[in-house]
């Protein structure tokens, strides 16, 4: 008879010093029945020409900096961790100030 064993453990990210941090100020999210895809982009302030083009086309392109695929089972924990960390941020620093761009 197979007995199921459980082991409690903590996962600690192993820091890779050569891995650069990537800045993103926009995230597009898509999902399938199996996973969520988070596409992180860096959106720069628009110049006059880009504003005119956006008014005509209703599209602004932003360079993709990272695309992360997350299994759907991980989403509730991710949402919870983001909410908890955002609450801690607000307790320490107050609400975010100023515009994003």
N, C-alpha and C. Protein backbone atom coordinates (compact mmCIF):
# COMPACT_ATOMS: atom_id res chain seq x y z
N UNK A 1 0.83 -1.17 0.00
CA UNK A 1 0.00 0.00 0.00
C UNK A 1 0.88 1.25 0.00
N UNK A 2 0.60 2.17 -0.92
CA UNK A 2 1.37 3.41 -1.00
C UNK A 2 0.87 4.40 0.04
N UNK A 3 1.78 4.89 0.85
CA UNK A 3 1.43 5.91 1.82
C UNK A 3 1.92 7.26 1.29
N UNK A 4 1.04 8.25 1.39
CA UNK A 4 1.43 9.59 0.98
C UNK A 4 2.12 10.27 2.15
N UNK A 5 3.27 10.85 1.85
CA UNK A 5 4.01 11.58 2.87
C UNK A 5 4.00 13.05 2.49
N UNK A 6 3.91 13.89 3.50
CA UNK A 6 4.01 15.32 3.23
C UNK A 6 5.25 15.85 3.93
N UNK A 7 5.86 16.80 3.28
CA UNK A 7 7.06 17.44 3.81
C UNK A 7 6.83 18.93 3.76
N UNK A 8 7.00 19.60 4.89
CA UNK A 8 6.89 21.05 4.92
C UNK A 8 8.26 21.65 4.64
N UNK A 9 8.29 22.64 3.76
CA UNK A 9 9.55 23.30 3.44
C UNK A 9 9.28 24.72 2.99
N UNK A 10 10.32 25.52 2.99
CA UNK A 10 10.26 26.90 2.52
C UNK A 10 11.15 27.01 1.30
N UNK A 11 10.61 27.61 0.25
CA UNK A 11 11.40 27.83 -0.96
C UNK A 11 12.05 29.21 -0.85
N UNK A 12 13.36 29.24 -1.01
CA UNK A 12 14.11 30.49 -0.94
C UNK A 12 14.79 30.69 -2.29
N UNK A 13 14.47 31.80 -2.98
CA UNK A 13 15.14 32.04 -4.27
C UNK A 13 16.65 32.11 -4.10
N UNK A 14 17.36 31.38 -4.94
CA UNK A 14 18.82 31.43 -4.93
C UNK A 14 19.23 32.61 -5.80
N UNK A 15 19.83 33.58 -5.17
CA UNK A 15 20.19 34.81 -5.89
C UNK A 15 21.28 34.54 -6.92
N UNK A 16 21.02 34.96 -8.13
CA UNK A 16 21.99 34.88 -9.22
C UNK A 16 22.47 36.31 -9.45
N UNK A 17 23.67 36.60 -9.00
CA UNK A 17 24.16 37.98 -9.04
C UNK A 17 24.30 38.53 -10.45
N UNK A 18 24.49 37.66 -11.44
CA UNK A 18 24.65 38.14 -12.80
C UNK A 18 23.30 38.39 -13.49
N UNK A 19 22.20 37.98 -12.84
CA UNK A 19 20.88 38.16 -13.43
C UNK A 19 20.41 39.60 -13.18
N UNK A 20 20.22 40.38 -14.23
CA UNK A 20 19.85 41.79 -14.02
C UNK A 20 18.38 41.93 -13.62
N UNK A 21 18.09 43.00 -12.91
CA UNK A 21 16.69 43.35 -12.64
C UNK A 21 16.14 43.97 -13.92
N UNK A 22 14.87 43.74 -14.18
CA UNK A 22 14.23 44.27 -15.38
C UNK A 22 13.09 45.17 -14.95
N UNK A 23 13.10 46.41 -15.43
CA UNK A 23 12.07 47.38 -15.07
C UNK A 23 10.87 47.23 -16.00
N UNK A 24 9.67 47.32 -15.43
CA UNK A 24 8.44 47.29 -16.20
C UNK A 24 7.42 48.19 -15.52
N UNK A 25 6.69 48.96 -16.32
CA UNK A 25 5.63 49.79 -15.76
C UNK A 25 4.30 49.53 -16.46
N UNK A 26 4.20 48.40 -17.15
CA UNK A 26 2.95 47.98 -17.79
C UNK A 26 2.95 46.46 -17.86
N UNK A 27 1.80 45.87 -17.58
CA UNK A 27 1.69 44.41 -17.65
C UNK A 27 0.38 44.05 -18.35
N UNK A 28 0.49 43.31 -19.44
CA UNK A 28 -0.68 42.77 -20.13
C UNK A 28 -0.84 41.32 -19.67
N UNK A 29 -2.08 40.92 -19.41
CA UNK A 29 -2.33 39.58 -18.89
C UNK A 29 -3.29 38.84 -19.80
N UNK A 30 -2.92 37.63 -20.16
CA UNK A 30 -3.77 36.74 -20.96
C UNK A 30 -3.85 35.41 -20.23
N UNK A 31 -4.90 34.65 -20.51
CA UNK A 31 -4.98 33.33 -19.89
C UNK A 31 -5.52 32.29 -20.87
N UNK A 32 -5.17 31.06 -20.59
CA UNK A 32 -5.70 29.89 -21.29
C UNK A 32 -6.34 29.03 -20.20
N UNK A 33 -6.91 27.90 -20.54
CA UNK A 33 -7.44 27.03 -19.49
C UNK A 33 -6.36 26.49 -18.54
N UNK A 34 -5.08 26.61 -18.92
CA UNK A 34 -4.01 25.98 -18.17
C UNK A 34 -3.07 26.95 -17.46
N UNK A 35 -2.95 28.18 -17.99
CA UNK A 35 -1.97 29.10 -17.42
C UNK A 35 -2.33 30.55 -17.70
N UNK A 36 -1.61 31.44 -17.03
CA UNK A 36 -1.71 32.87 -17.26
C UNK A 36 -0.37 33.33 -17.83
N UNK A 37 -0.42 34.22 -18.80
CA UNK A 37 0.79 34.80 -19.36
C UNK A 37 0.82 36.27 -18.98
N UNK A 38 1.88 36.67 -18.30
CA UNK A 38 2.07 38.06 -17.89
C UNK A 38 3.17 38.63 -18.79
N UNK A 39 2.81 39.62 -19.58
CA UNK A 39 3.76 40.25 -20.50
C UNK A 39 4.10 41.62 -19.93
N UNK A 40 5.34 41.78 -19.49
CA UNK A 40 5.80 43.02 -18.88
C UNK A 40 6.47 43.89 -19.93
N UNK A 41 6.06 45.15 -19.97
CA UNK A 41 6.59 46.11 -20.95
C UNK A 41 7.12 47.34 -20.23
N UNK A 42 7.97 48.07 -20.92
CA UNK A 42 8.45 49.36 -20.41
C UNK A 42 7.83 50.45 -21.27
N UNK A 43 6.92 51.18 -20.68
CA UNK A 43 6.20 52.24 -21.39
C UNK A 43 6.87 53.58 -21.09
N UNK A 44 7.42 54.19 -22.12
CA UNK A 44 8.07 55.49 -21.98
C UNK A 44 7.04 56.60 -22.20
N UNK A 45 7.28 57.80 -21.64
CA UNK A 45 6.38 58.92 -21.93
C UNK A 45 6.35 59.16 -23.45
N UNK A 46 5.17 59.52 -23.95
CA UNK A 46 5.01 59.70 -25.39
C UNK A 46 5.39 61.10 -25.82
N UNK A 47 6.11 61.17 -26.95
CA UNK A 47 6.42 62.45 -27.57
C UNK A 47 5.24 62.92 -28.40
N UNK A 48 5.34 64.12 -28.94
CA UNK A 48 4.23 64.70 -29.72
C UNK A 48 3.84 63.83 -30.91
N UNK A 49 4.82 63.33 -31.65
CA UNK A 49 4.53 62.50 -32.82
C UNK A 49 3.83 61.20 -32.40
N UNK A 50 4.32 60.57 -31.33
CA UNK A 50 3.71 59.33 -30.86
C UNK A 50 2.27 59.57 -30.39
N UNK A 51 2.02 60.72 -29.79
CA UNK A 51 0.67 61.06 -29.36
C UNK A 51 -0.25 61.20 -30.57
N UNK A 52 0.23 61.89 -31.61
CA UNK A 52 -0.58 62.04 -32.84
C UNK A 52 -0.88 60.68 -33.47
N UNK A 53 0.13 59.82 -33.53
CA UNK A 53 -0.06 58.49 -34.10
C UNK A 53 -1.06 57.68 -33.27
N UNK A 54 -0.96 57.80 -31.94
CA UNK A 54 -1.87 57.07 -31.06
C UNK A 54 -3.31 57.59 -31.20
N UNK A 55 -3.46 58.87 -31.43
CA UNK A 55 -4.80 59.42 -31.62
C UNK A 55 -5.44 58.85 -32.88
N UNK A 56 -4.65 58.64 -33.91
CA UNK A 56 -5.16 58.09 -35.17
C UNK A 56 -5.38 56.58 -35.09
N UNK A 57 -4.39 55.87 -34.60
CA UNK A 57 -4.45 54.40 -34.63
C UNK A 57 -5.06 53.78 -33.38
N UNK A 58 -5.10 54.55 -32.30
CA UNK A 58 -5.57 54.05 -30.99
C UNK A 58 -4.67 52.92 -30.48
N UNK A 59 -3.41 52.92 -30.92
CA UNK A 59 -2.45 51.89 -30.50
C UNK A 59 -1.15 52.57 -30.09
N UNK A 60 -0.60 52.13 -28.98
CA UNK A 60 0.73 52.56 -28.55
C UNK A 60 1.53 51.29 -28.30
N UNK A 61 2.66 51.18 -28.95
CA UNK A 61 3.50 50.00 -28.79
C UNK A 61 4.52 50.24 -27.68
N UNK A 62 4.73 49.21 -26.88
CA UNK A 62 5.70 49.28 -25.78
C UNK A 62 6.60 48.05 -25.87
N UNK A 63 7.90 48.22 -25.72
CA UNK A 63 8.81 47.08 -25.81
C UNK A 63 8.58 46.07 -24.70
N UNK A 64 8.52 44.80 -25.08
CA UNK A 64 8.37 43.72 -24.11
C UNK A 64 9.72 43.50 -23.43
N UNK A 65 9.69 43.48 -22.08
CA UNK A 65 10.92 43.26 -21.30
C UNK A 65 10.99 41.84 -20.74
N UNK A 66 9.80 41.23 -20.51
CA UNK A 66 9.76 39.85 -20.01
C UNK A 66 8.37 39.28 -20.24
N UNK A 67 8.32 37.99 -20.49
CA UNK A 67 7.04 37.29 -20.62
C UNK A 67 7.13 36.07 -19.70
N UNK A 68 6.22 36.03 -18.73
CA UNK A 68 6.23 34.98 -17.72
C UNK A 68 4.95 34.17 -17.83
N UNK A 69 5.07 32.86 -17.90
CA UNK A 69 3.91 31.97 -17.95
C UNK A 69 3.79 31.31 -16.58
N UNK A 70 2.59 31.44 -15.98
CA UNK A 70 2.35 30.96 -14.62
C UNK A 70 1.20 29.95 -14.64
N UNK A 71 1.37 28.76 -14.06
CA UNK A 71 0.28 27.80 -14.02
C UNK A 71 -0.91 28.39 -13.25
N UNK A 72 -2.11 28.08 -13.70
CA UNK A 72 -3.32 28.65 -13.11
C UNK A 72 -3.42 28.35 -11.61
N UNK A 73 -2.89 27.22 -11.16
CA UNK A 73 -2.94 26.85 -9.75
C UNK A 73 -2.14 27.82 -8.88
N UNK A 74 -1.20 28.54 -9.46
CA UNK A 74 -0.34 29.46 -8.71
C UNK A 74 -0.97 30.85 -8.56
N UNK A 75 -1.99 31.17 -9.34
CA UNK A 75 -2.56 32.51 -9.38
C UNK A 75 -3.14 32.96 -8.04
N UNK A 76 -3.94 32.15 -7.32
CA UNK A 76 -4.47 32.63 -6.04
C UNK A 76 -3.36 33.02 -5.05
N UNK A 77 -2.30 32.24 -4.97
CA UNK A 77 -1.18 32.57 -4.09
C UNK A 77 -0.46 33.83 -4.53
N UNK A 78 -0.32 34.01 -5.84
CA UNK A 78 0.33 35.20 -6.38
C UNK A 78 -0.49 36.45 -6.06
N UNK A 79 -1.80 36.38 -6.26
CA UNK A 79 -2.69 37.51 -5.95
C UNK A 79 -2.61 37.83 -4.46
N UNK A 80 -2.66 36.82 -3.63
CA UNK A 80 -2.59 37.01 -2.18
C UNK A 80 -1.26 37.65 -1.76
N UNK A 81 -0.16 37.16 -2.32
CA UNK A 81 1.16 37.71 -1.99
C UNK A 81 1.28 39.16 -2.44
N UNK A 82 0.74 39.49 -3.62
CA UNK A 82 0.77 40.87 -4.08
C UNK A 82 -0.05 41.77 -3.17
N UNK A 83 -1.25 41.32 -2.77
CA UNK A 83 -2.08 42.12 -1.87
C UNK A 83 -1.40 42.34 -0.53
N UNK A 84 -0.81 41.30 0.03
CA UNK A 84 -0.13 41.40 1.32
C UNK A 84 1.07 42.36 1.23
N UNK A 85 1.86 42.22 0.19
CA UNK A 85 3.03 43.08 0.04
C UNK A 85 2.63 44.52 -0.24
N UNK A 86 1.56 44.74 -0.98
CA UNK A 86 1.08 46.09 -1.26
C UNK A 86 0.57 46.74 0.02
N UNK A 87 -0.13 45.98 0.87
CA UNK A 87 -0.59 46.50 2.15
C UNK A 87 0.60 46.90 3.02
N UNK A 88 1.62 46.06 3.08
CA UNK A 88 2.83 46.39 3.84
C UNK A 88 3.51 47.64 3.28
N UNK A 89 3.54 47.76 1.96
CA UNK A 89 4.11 48.95 1.31
C UNK A 89 3.37 50.20 1.77
N UNK A 90 2.02 50.16 1.71
CA UNK A 90 1.22 51.32 2.09
C UNK A 90 1.39 51.67 3.56
N UNK A 91 1.53 50.66 4.42
CA UNK A 91 1.75 50.93 5.84
C UNK A 91 3.10 51.60 6.07
N UNK A 92 4.08 51.26 5.25
CA UNK A 92 5.43 51.84 5.40
C UNK A 92 5.58 53.19 4.71
N UNK A 93 5.01 53.33 3.52
CA UNK A 93 5.28 54.50 2.69
C UNK A 93 4.05 55.33 2.35
N UNK A 94 2.86 54.84 2.67
CA UNK A 94 1.63 55.52 2.27
C UNK A 94 1.26 55.14 0.85
N UNK A 95 0.16 55.74 0.35
CA UNK A 95 -0.25 55.41 -1.02
C UNK A 95 0.76 55.93 -2.04
N UNK A 96 0.86 55.28 -3.19
CA UNK A 96 1.78 55.78 -4.22
C UNK A 96 1.41 57.22 -4.61
N UNK A 97 2.43 58.01 -4.90
CA UNK A 97 2.22 59.42 -5.25
C UNK A 97 2.59 59.68 -6.69
N UNK A 98 1.88 60.61 -7.31
CA UNK A 98 2.22 61.07 -8.65
C UNK A 98 1.80 60.11 -9.74
N UNK A 99 1.88 60.58 -10.97
CA UNK A 99 1.52 59.75 -12.12
C UNK A 99 2.57 58.69 -12.38
N UNK A 100 2.18 57.66 -13.10
CA UNK A 100 3.11 56.58 -13.43
C UNK A 100 4.20 57.06 -14.38
N UNK A 101 3.84 57.90 -15.33
CA UNK A 101 4.82 58.37 -16.33
C UNK A 101 5.23 59.78 -16.02
